[in-house]
Amino acid sequence: MLLREHPIGATDDETINIKVITHTLSNDWGFWRTVTGNLKLLHEMVEHYHGLAGLTDEDRQIVHQRIEELEQEIEAAPKSLRWKSRAAIGEKVRWYKVVEELSR
């Protein structure tokens, strides 16, 4: 619903602030990997939410457009040296924490 109700923009005024997102993801490869992977999954899953209890065709089209806009902006953003160094390692080394391993 966040993507349905709020356009992508460069401010915090009722928009999804792309500047904050690209700045954060351009400095943290692991977070970038998780977010871009989840955007791809969301792109696929949006089609399953339709009919009376879900999204209209127009809603799904808007969400797809905003996902694509996010993906394009994230991809186009210049990446930090730290990001590039971690990207070179890629998925060979785990970039996330397993929930069961976290202590409370």
N, C-alpha and C. Protein backbone atom coordinates (compact mmCIF):
# COMPACT_ATOMS: atom_id res chain seq x y z
N MET A 1 0.82 -1.18 0.00
CA MET A 1 0.00 0.00 0.00
C MET A 1 0.86 1.25 0.00
N LEU A 2 2.04 1.16 0.58
CA LEU A 2 2.94 2.31 0.56
C LEU A 2 3.24 2.73 -0.88
N LEU A 3 3.57 1.75 -1.71
CA LEU A 3 3.86 2.06 -3.11
C LEU A 3 2.62 2.49 -3.88
N ARG A 4 1.47 2.03 -3.49
CA ARG A 4 0.23 2.43 -4.16
C ARG A 4 -0.15 3.87 -3.81
N GLU A 5 0.04 4.25 -2.57
CA GLU A 5 -0.46 5.53 -2.08
C GLU A 5 0.51 6.69 -2.19
N HIS A 6 1.81 6.39 -2.35
CA HIS A 6 2.80 7.48 -2.35
C HIS A 6 3.72 7.40 -3.57
N PRO A 7 3.83 8.49 -4.32
CA PRO A 7 4.75 8.49 -5.46
C PRO A 7 6.20 8.54 -4.99
N ILE A 8 7.10 8.24 -5.91
CA ILE A 8 8.53 8.35 -5.65
C ILE A 8 8.89 9.83 -5.83
N GLY A 9 9.64 10.39 -4.90
CA GLY A 9 10.00 11.80 -4.99
C GLY A 9 11.32 12.08 -4.29
N ALA A 10 11.68 13.35 -4.27
CA ALA A 10 12.96 13.76 -3.68
C ALA A 10 12.77 14.48 -2.35
N THR A 11 11.60 14.35 -1.75
CA THR A 11 11.33 14.98 -0.46
C THR A 11 10.62 13.98 0.45
N ASP A 12 10.37 14.41 1.68
CA ASP A 12 9.62 13.58 2.61
C ASP A 12 8.14 13.97 2.64
N ASP A 13 7.73 14.87 1.78
CA ASP A 13 6.37 15.39 1.78
C ASP A 13 5.43 14.46 1.02
N GLU A 14 4.88 13.48 1.71
CA GLU A 14 3.93 12.52 1.14
C GLU A 14 4.50 11.76 -0.06
N THR A 15 5.81 11.56 -0.06
CA THR A 15 6.46 10.78 -1.12
C THR A 15 7.40 9.75 -0.49
N ILE A 16 7.79 8.80 -1.30
CA ILE A 16 8.84 7.86 -0.92
C ILE A 16 10.13 8.53 -1.35
N ASN A 17 10.94 8.93 -0.39
CA ASN A 17 12.12 9.76 -0.66
C ASN A 17 13.24 8.94 -1.28
N ILE A 18 13.37 9.07 -2.59
CA ILE A 18 14.37 8.29 -3.33
C ILE A 18 15.79 8.69 -2.96
N LYS A 19 16.00 9.93 -2.55
CA LYS A 19 17.35 10.36 -2.16
C LYS A 19 17.83 9.58 -0.95
N VAL A 20 16.97 9.39 0.03
CA VAL A 20 17.34 8.64 1.23
C VAL A 20 17.61 7.18 0.87
N ILE A 21 16.75 6.62 0.03
CA ILE A 21 16.89 5.21 -0.35
C ILE A 21 18.19 4.99 -1.12
N THR A 22 18.43 5.80 -2.14
CA THR A 22 19.64 5.59 -2.96
C THR A 22 20.90 5.87 -2.17
N HIS A 23 20.89 6.86 -1.29
CA HIS A 23 22.07 7.15 -0.47
C HIS A 23 22.38 5.95 0.43
N THR A 24 21.37 5.43 1.07
CA THR A 24 21.56 4.30 1.98
C THR A 24 22.04 3.06 1.24
N LEU A 25 21.36 2.73 0.14
CA LEU A 25 21.69 1.50 -0.58
C LEU A 25 22.99 1.59 -1.36
N SER A 26 23.42 2.79 -1.70
CA SER A 26 24.68 2.96 -2.44
C SER A 26 25.90 2.81 -1.54
N ASN A 27 25.66 2.75 -0.24
CA ASN A 27 26.76 2.61 0.72
C ASN A 27 26.78 1.25 1.43
N ASP A 28 25.76 0.42 1.18
CA ASP A 28 25.65 -0.85 1.89
C ASP A 28 25.20 -1.94 0.92
N TRP A 29 26.15 -2.70 0.41
CA TRP A 29 25.82 -3.72 -0.59
C TRP A 29 24.83 -4.74 -0.06
N GLY A 30 24.98 -5.17 1.17
CA GLY A 30 24.08 -6.17 1.74
C GLY A 30 22.64 -5.68 1.79
N PHE A 31 22.46 -4.45 2.23
CA PHE A 31 21.13 -3.87 2.28
C PHE A 31 20.60 -3.71 0.86
N TRP A 32 21.47 -3.25 -0.06
CA TRP A 32 21.10 -3.12 -1.47
C TRP A 32 20.62 -4.46 -2.02
N ARG A 33 21.36 -5.53 -1.74
CA ARG A 33 21.02 -6.87 -2.23
C ARG A 33 19.67 -7.32 -1.69
N THR A 34 19.42 -7.09 -0.42
CA THR A 34 18.16 -7.48 0.19
C THR A 34 16.99 -6.68 -0.39
N VAL A 35 17.15 -5.38 -0.49
CA VAL A 35 16.07 -4.53 -1.00
C VAL A 35 15.77 -4.83 -2.47
N THR A 36 16.80 -4.93 -3.30
CA THR A 36 16.54 -5.17 -4.72
C THR A 36 15.95 -6.57 -4.94
N GLY A 37 16.36 -7.52 -4.14
CA GLY A 37 15.77 -8.86 -4.23
C GLY A 37 14.30 -8.85 -3.83
N ASN A 38 13.99 -8.10 -2.78
CA ASN A 38 12.60 -8.01 -2.35
C ASN A 38 11.73 -7.23 -3.34
N LEU A 39 12.29 -6.23 -3.99
CA LEU A 39 11.53 -5.51 -5.02
C LEU A 39 11.19 -6.44 -6.18
N LYS A 40 12.11 -7.31 -6.56
CA LYS A 40 11.83 -8.28 -7.62
C LYS A 40 10.72 -9.24 -7.22
N LEU A 41 10.77 -9.72 -5.98
CA LEU A 41 9.71 -10.60 -5.49
C LEU A 41 8.37 -9.87 -5.44
N LEU A 42 8.38 -8.65 -4.99
CA LEU A 42 7.15 -7.86 -4.92
C LEU A 42 6.55 -7.68 -6.30
N HIS A 43 7.41 -7.43 -7.29
CA HIS A 43 6.95 -7.28 -8.67
C HIS A 43 6.14 -8.50 -9.11
N GLU A 44 6.61 -9.69 -8.73
CA GLU A 44 5.93 -10.93 -9.08
C GLU A 44 4.66 -11.13 -8.26
N MET A 45 4.72 -10.81 -6.99
CA MET A 45 3.61 -11.09 -6.08
C MET A 45 2.42 -10.14 -6.25
N VAL A 46 2.64 -8.95 -6.76
CA VAL A 46 1.55 -7.98 -6.91
C VAL A 46 0.40 -8.57 -7.72
N GLU A 47 0.69 -9.40 -8.67
CA GLU A 47 -0.35 -9.99 -9.52
C GLU A 47 -1.29 -10.92 -8.77
N HIS A 48 -0.89 -11.39 -7.61
CA HIS A 48 -1.73 -12.30 -6.83
C HIS A 48 -2.74 -11.57 -5.96
N TYR A 49 -2.63 -10.25 -5.88
CA TYR A 49 -3.55 -9.46 -5.06
C TYR A 49 -4.52 -8.71 -5.96
N HIS A 50 -5.63 -9.37 -6.28
CA HIS A 50 -6.63 -8.76 -7.15
C HIS A 50 -8.03 -9.15 -6.68
N GLY A 51 -9.02 -8.56 -7.29
CA GLY A 51 -10.40 -8.87 -6.93
C GLY A 51 -10.88 -8.04 -5.76
N LEU A 52 -11.94 -8.49 -5.14
CA LEU A 52 -12.58 -7.73 -4.06
C LEU A 52 -11.67 -7.48 -2.87
N ALA A 53 -10.85 -8.45 -2.52
CA ALA A 53 -10.01 -8.32 -1.33
C ALA A 53 -8.63 -7.77 -1.64
N GLY A 54 -8.37 -7.42 -2.88
CA GLY A 54 -7.03 -7.02 -3.24
C GLY A 54 -6.96 -5.72 -4.00
N LEU A 55 -6.07 -5.68 -4.96
CA LEU A 55 -5.81 -4.48 -5.74
C LEU A 55 -6.54 -4.52 -7.07
N THR A 56 -6.96 -3.36 -7.54
CA THR A 56 -7.56 -3.26 -8.87
C THR A 56 -6.46 -3.32 -9.92
N ASP A 57 -6.85 -3.43 -11.17
CA ASP A 57 -5.86 -3.41 -12.26
C ASP A 57 -5.07 -2.11 -12.22
N GLU A 58 -5.75 -1.01 -11.98
CA GLU A 58 -5.07 0.30 -11.90
C GLU A 58 -4.08 0.33 -10.74
N ASP A 59 -4.49 -0.21 -9.59
CA ASP A 59 -3.60 -0.26 -8.42
C ASP A 59 -2.33 -1.04 -8.76
N ARG A 60 -2.49 -2.21 -9.35
CA ARG A 60 -1.35 -3.06 -9.67
C ARG A 60 -0.44 -2.38 -10.69
N GLN A 61 -1.01 -1.69 -11.66
CA GLN A 61 -0.21 -0.98 -12.65
C GLN A 61 0.62 0.11 -11.99
N ILE A 62 0.03 0.86 -11.07
CA ILE A 62 0.74 1.92 -10.36
C ILE A 62 1.87 1.33 -9.52
N VAL A 63 1.60 0.25 -8.82
CA VAL A 63 2.63 -0.38 -7.99
C VAL A 63 3.77 -0.89 -8.86
N HIS A 64 3.46 -1.54 -9.98
CA HIS A 64 4.50 -2.00 -10.90
C HIS A 64 5.36 -0.83 -11.39
N GLN A 65 4.73 0.27 -11.76
CA GLN A 65 5.47 1.44 -12.25
C GLN A 65 6.39 1.99 -11.17
N ARG A 66 5.91 2.04 -9.95
CA ARG A 66 6.73 2.59 -8.87
C ARG A 66 7.88 1.65 -8.50
N ILE A 67 7.64 0.35 -8.56
CA ILE A 67 8.74 -0.60 -8.34
C ILE A 67 9.81 -0.40 -9.40
N GLU A 68 9.39 -0.29 -10.65
CA GLU A 68 10.34 -0.09 -11.75
C GLU A 68 11.11 1.22 -11.58
N GLU A 69 10.41 2.26 -11.15
CA GLU A 69 11.08 3.54 -10.92
C GLU A 69 12.11 3.42 -9.80
N LEU A 70 11.74 2.76 -8.71
CA LEU A 70 12.69 2.53 -7.62
C LEU A 70 13.91 1.75 -8.11
N GLU A 71 13.67 0.67 -8.85
CA GLU A 71 14.77 -0.16 -9.34
C GLU A 71 15.71 0.65 -10.24
N GLN A 72 15.15 1.47 -11.12
CA GLN A 72 15.97 2.28 -12.02
C GLN A 72 16.81 3.30 -11.25
N GLU A 73 16.20 3.97 -10.29
CA GLU A 73 16.91 4.98 -9.50
C GLU A 73 18.01 4.34 -8.65
N ILE A 74 17.71 3.19 -8.06
CA ILE A 74 18.70 2.48 -7.24
C ILE A 74 19.87 2.04 -8.10
N GLU A 75 19.59 1.50 -9.27
CA GLU A 75 20.64 1.03 -10.17
C GLU A 75 21.51 2.19 -10.67
N ALA A 76 20.88 3.32 -10.97
CA ALA A 76 21.61 4.47 -11.55
C ALA A 76 22.45 5.22 -10.52
N ALA A 77 22.15 5.08 -9.25
CA ALA A 77 22.87 5.82 -8.21
C ALA A 77 24.33 5.38 -8.15
N PRO A 78 25.26 6.34 -8.05
CA PRO A 78 26.68 5.98 -7.92
C PRO A 78 26.93 5.22 -6.61
N LYS A 79 27.74 4.20 -6.70
CA LYS A 79 28.01 3.34 -5.54
C LYS A 79 29.34 3.72 -4.89
N SER A 80 29.40 3.54 -3.58
CA SER A 80 30.61 3.87 -2.82
C SER A 80 31.68 2.80 -3.04
N LEU A 81 32.90 3.13 -2.67
CA LEU A 81 33.99 2.17 -2.74
C LEU A 81 33.69 0.98 -1.84
N ARG A 82 33.15 1.23 -0.67
CA ARG A 82 32.77 0.17 0.26
C ARG A 82 31.76 -0.78 -0.41
N TRP A 83 30.75 -0.21 -1.07
CA TRP A 83 29.74 -1.00 -1.77
C TRP A 83 30.39 -1.86 -2.85
N LYS A 84 31.25 -1.24 -3.65
CA LYS A 84 31.91 -1.95 -4.75
C LYS A 84 32.79 -3.08 -4.23
N SER A 85 33.48 -2.84 -3.13
CA SER A 85 34.34 -3.87 -2.54
C SER A 85 33.51 -5.06 -2.09
N ARG A 86 32.40 -4.79 -1.43
CA ARG A 86 31.54 -5.87 -0.94
C ARG A 86 30.84 -6.57 -2.11
N ALA A 87 30.49 -5.81 -3.15
CA ALA A 87 29.85 -6.39 -4.33
C ALA A 87 30.77 -7.39 -5.02
N ALA A 88 32.07 -7.15 -4.95
CA ALA A 88 33.04 -8.06 -5.57
C ALA A 88 32.99 -9.44 -4.91
N ILE A 89 32.69 -9.48 -3.63
CA ILE A 89 32.56 -10.74 -2.90
C ILE A 89 31.23 -11.40 -3.25
N GLY A 90 30.19 -10.58 -3.39
CA GLY A 90 28.87 -11.07 -3.78
C GLY A 90 28.24 -12.00 -2.77
N GLU A 91 27.53 -12.97 -3.27
CA GLU A 91 26.77 -13.88 -2.42
C GLU A 91 27.58 -15.05 -1.90
N LYS A 92 28.88 -15.07 -2.18
CA LYS A 92 29.74 -16.14 -1.67
C LYS A 92 29.82 -16.09 -0.14
N VAL A 93 29.67 -14.89 0.40
CA VAL A 93 29.69 -14.69 1.85
C VAL A 93 28.33 -14.12 2.24
N ARG A 94 27.74 -14.69 3.28
CA ARG A 94 26.41 -14.26 3.72
C ARG A 94 26.45 -12.79 4.13
N TRP A 95 25.47 -12.03 3.70
CA TRP A 95 25.39 -10.60 3.99
C TRP A 95 24.30 -10.26 5.00
N TYR A 96 23.56 -11.24 5.41
CA TYR A 96 22.43 -11.03 6.32
C TYR A 96 22.64 -11.84 7.59
N LYS A 97 21.86 -11.50 8.61
CA LYS A 97 21.90 -12.24 9.87
C LYS A 97 20.70 -13.16 9.93
N VAL A 98 20.94 -14.40 10.32
CA VAL A 98 19.86 -15.36 10.48
C VAL A 98 19.12 -15.02 11.78
N VAL A 99 17.82 -14.96 11.69
CA VAL A 99 17.01 -14.55 12.84
C VAL A 99 17.30 -15.39 14.06
N GLU A 100 17.44 -16.69 13.90
CA GLU A 100 17.70 -17.58 15.03
C GLU A 100 19.03 -17.28 15.72
N GLU A 101 19.95 -16.65 15.02
CA GLU A 101 21.27 -16.34 15.58
C GLU A 101 21.29 -15.03 16.36
N LEU A 102 20.25 -14.24 16.23
CA LEU A 102 20.22 -12.94 16.92
C LEU A 102 19.83 -13.15 18.37
N SER A 103 20.50 -12.44 19.25
CA SER A 103 20.13 -12.51 20.67
C SER A 103 19.26 -11.32 21.00
N ARG A 104 18.39 -11.51 21.94
CA ARG A 104 17.48 -10.42 22.33
C ARG A 104 18.05 -9.63 23.42
